[in-house]
């Protein structure tokens, strides 16, 4: 069965950093573009970043560009998201998902198409 498992979240202060990880199983991880998404309380699911299958290209939402870095290690079937200079606006539950290239970017489409494979997400809380 296809499974994705996120980890690495936590509670930090503004300006601090976190590194999220997502491990995939049950599918050929190295063949899939992958994305990170997030959902803040009371808000819609939001696409954050995408990386192509071999890790040579990536895209970011404007809200995180130059602060977050996506990467992957296909030998470990693992996707990463480095979160730097966090703000309270980054507080959300973060998910990883399979994707296309170029990325779909619409949060709802990810849940509709890939949501059954997602893990529980990893919580990032940024507060003073």
Protein backbone atom coordinates (compact mmCIF):
# COMPACT_ATOMS: atom_id res chain seq x y z
CA UNK A 1 0.00 0.00 0.00
CA UNK A 2 1.13 3.53 -0.76
CA UNK A 3 2.01 5.41 2.40
CA UNK A 4 3.52 8.77 3.25
CA UNK A 5 4.69 9.64 6.74
CA UNK A 6 5.63 13.16 7.80
CA UNK A 7 7.78 14.10 10.79
CA UNK A 8 9.94 16.88 12.16
CA UNK A 9 7.39 19.47 13.22
CA UNK A 10 7.46 21.30 16.51
CA UNK A 11 6.90 24.52 18.42
CA UNK A 12 9.37 27.31 17.77
CA UNK A 13 9.67 31.07 18.10
CA UNK A 14 9.60 33.49 15.15
CA UNK A 15 12.88 33.52 13.27
CA UNK A 16 13.78 29.94 14.16
CA UNK A 17 14.10 26.95 11.86
CA UNK A 18 12.75 23.42 11.46
CA UNK A 19 13.39 20.56 9.05
CA UNK A 20 10.47 18.41 8.01
CA UNK A 21 10.84 14.91 6.58
CA UNK A 22 8.47 12.69 4.63
CA UNK A 23 9.14 9.02 3.96
CA UNK A 24 7.30 7.24 1.17
CA UNK A 25 6.64 3.55 0.71
CA UNK A 26 4.62 1.29 -1.57
CA UNK A 27 5.41 3.19 -4.75
CA UNK A 28 8.42 4.09 -6.91
CA UNK A 29 9.31 7.22 -4.98
CA UNK A 30 12.10 8.24 -7.37
CA UNK A 31 9.65 8.49 -10.29
CA UNK A 32 7.29 10.98 -8.67
CA UNK A 33 7.46 14.73 -8.33
CA UNK A 34 6.56 15.53 -4.73
CA UNK A 35 5.04 18.47 -2.93
CA UNK A 36 4.58 19.90 0.53
CA UNK A 37 1.24 21.39 1.47
CA UNK A 38 -0.07 22.94 4.67
CA UNK A 39 -3.35 23.71 6.33
CA UNK A 40 -3.71 26.37 8.98
CA UNK A 41 -6.67 26.35 11.39
CA UNK A 42 -9.77 27.61 9.66
CA UNK A 43 -8.06 27.92 6.30
CA UNK A 44 -7.95 25.96 3.06
CA UNK A 45 -5.25 23.47 2.21
CA UNK A 46 -2.38 25.43 0.65
CA UNK A 47 0.35 24.25 -1.72
CA UNK A 48 3.82 25.22 -0.45
CA UNK A 49 6.52 23.73 -2.66
CA UNK A 50 7.24 21.08 -5.28
CA UNK A 51 10.32 19.19 -6.46
CA UNK A 52 10.67 17.13 -9.61
CA UNK A 53 11.49 13.44 -9.57
CA UNK A 54 15.28 13.72 -9.69
CA UNK A 55 15.50 16.78 -7.48
CA UNK A 56 16.91 19.08 -10.14
CA UNK A 57 14.03 21.56 -10.18
CA UNK A 58 11.79 23.05 -7.53
CA UNK A 59 9.05 25.63 -7.19
CA UNK A 60 7.73 27.59 -4.23
CA UNK A 61 4.69 29.57 -3.28
CA UNK A 62 5.57 33.25 -3.03
CA UNK A 63 4.79 33.22 0.71
CA UNK A 64 7.70 30.86 1.45
CA UNK A 65 10.14 31.57 -1.38
CA UNK A 66 13.64 32.39 -0.11
CA UNK A 67 12.78 31.01 3.37
CA UNK A 68 11.92 27.36 2.68
CA UNK A 69 14.00 24.82 0.75
CA UNK A 70 12.67 21.55 -0.60
CA UNK A 71 14.96 18.60 -1.28
CA UNK A 72 14.83 14.84 -1.61
CA UNK A 73 17.00 11.76 -1.18
CA UNK A 74 15.72 9.08 -3.52
CA UNK A 75 18.09 6.50 -2.03
CA UNK A 76 16.13 6.88 1.23
CA UNK A 77 12.68 7.49 -0.31
CA UNK A 78 12.60 10.70 1.71
CA UNK A 79 11.43 14.23 0.99
CA UNK A 80 12.58 17.20 3.08
CA UNK A 81 11.50 20.76 3.72
CA UNK A 82 13.89 23.14 5.45
CA UNK A 83 11.93 25.96 7.08
CA UNK A 84 13.98 29.05 7.95
CA UNK A 85 13.03 32.41 9.41
CA UNK A 86 9.65 31.09 10.48
CA UNK A 87 6.79 33.46 11.18
CA UNK A 88 3.47 33.01 12.97
CA UNK A 89 1.86 32.82 9.51
CA UNK A 90 3.66 29.50 8.95
CA UNK A 91 1.74 27.82 11.75
CA UNK A 92 -0.07 24.88 10.14
CA UNK A 93 -0.29 21.13 9.75
CA UNK A 94 2.14 20.16 6.99
CA UNK A 95 1.57 17.27 4.59
CA UNK A 96 3.61 15.75 1.79
CA UNK A 97 2.02 14.46 -1.38
CA UNK A 98 2.73 12.96 -4.72
CA UNK A 99 2.39 15.51 -7.50
CA UNK A 100 2.89 16.19 -11.18
CA UNK A 101 5.39 18.37 -12.96
CA UNK A 102 4.64 21.18 -13.27
CA UNK A 103 2.85 21.17 -9.92
CA UNK A 104 -0.94 21.34 -9.66
CA UNK A 105 -0.73 24.11 -7.00
CA UNK A 106 -4.41 23.83 -6.08
CA UNK A 107 -4.70 22.41 -2.58
CA UNK A 108 -8.07 20.74 -3.02
CA UNK A 109 -6.91 18.80 -6.05
CA UNK A 110 -4.11 17.20 -4.02
CA UNK A 111 -6.53 15.99 -1.38
CA UNK A 112 -8.98 14.72 -3.97
CA UNK A 113 -6.39 12.82 -6.00
CA UNK A 114 -3.74 11.78 -3.46
CA UNK A 115 -5.24 12.36 -0.03
CA UNK A 116 -5.85 8.69 0.71
CA UNK A 117 -2.08 8.12 0.75
CA UNK A 118 -1.22 10.92 3.16
CA UNK A 119 -0.05 10.52 6.72
CA UNK A 120 -1.32 12.41 9.73
CA UNK A 121 0.79 15.44 8.87
CA UNK A 122 3.31 17.15 11.10
CA UNK A 123 2.37 20.21 13.15
CA UNK A 124 4.44 23.39 12.96
CA UNK A 125 3.59 26.01 15.56
CA UNK A 126 5.32 29.37 15.55
CA UNK A 127 4.60 31.67 18.47
CA UNK A 128 6.48 34.40 20.38
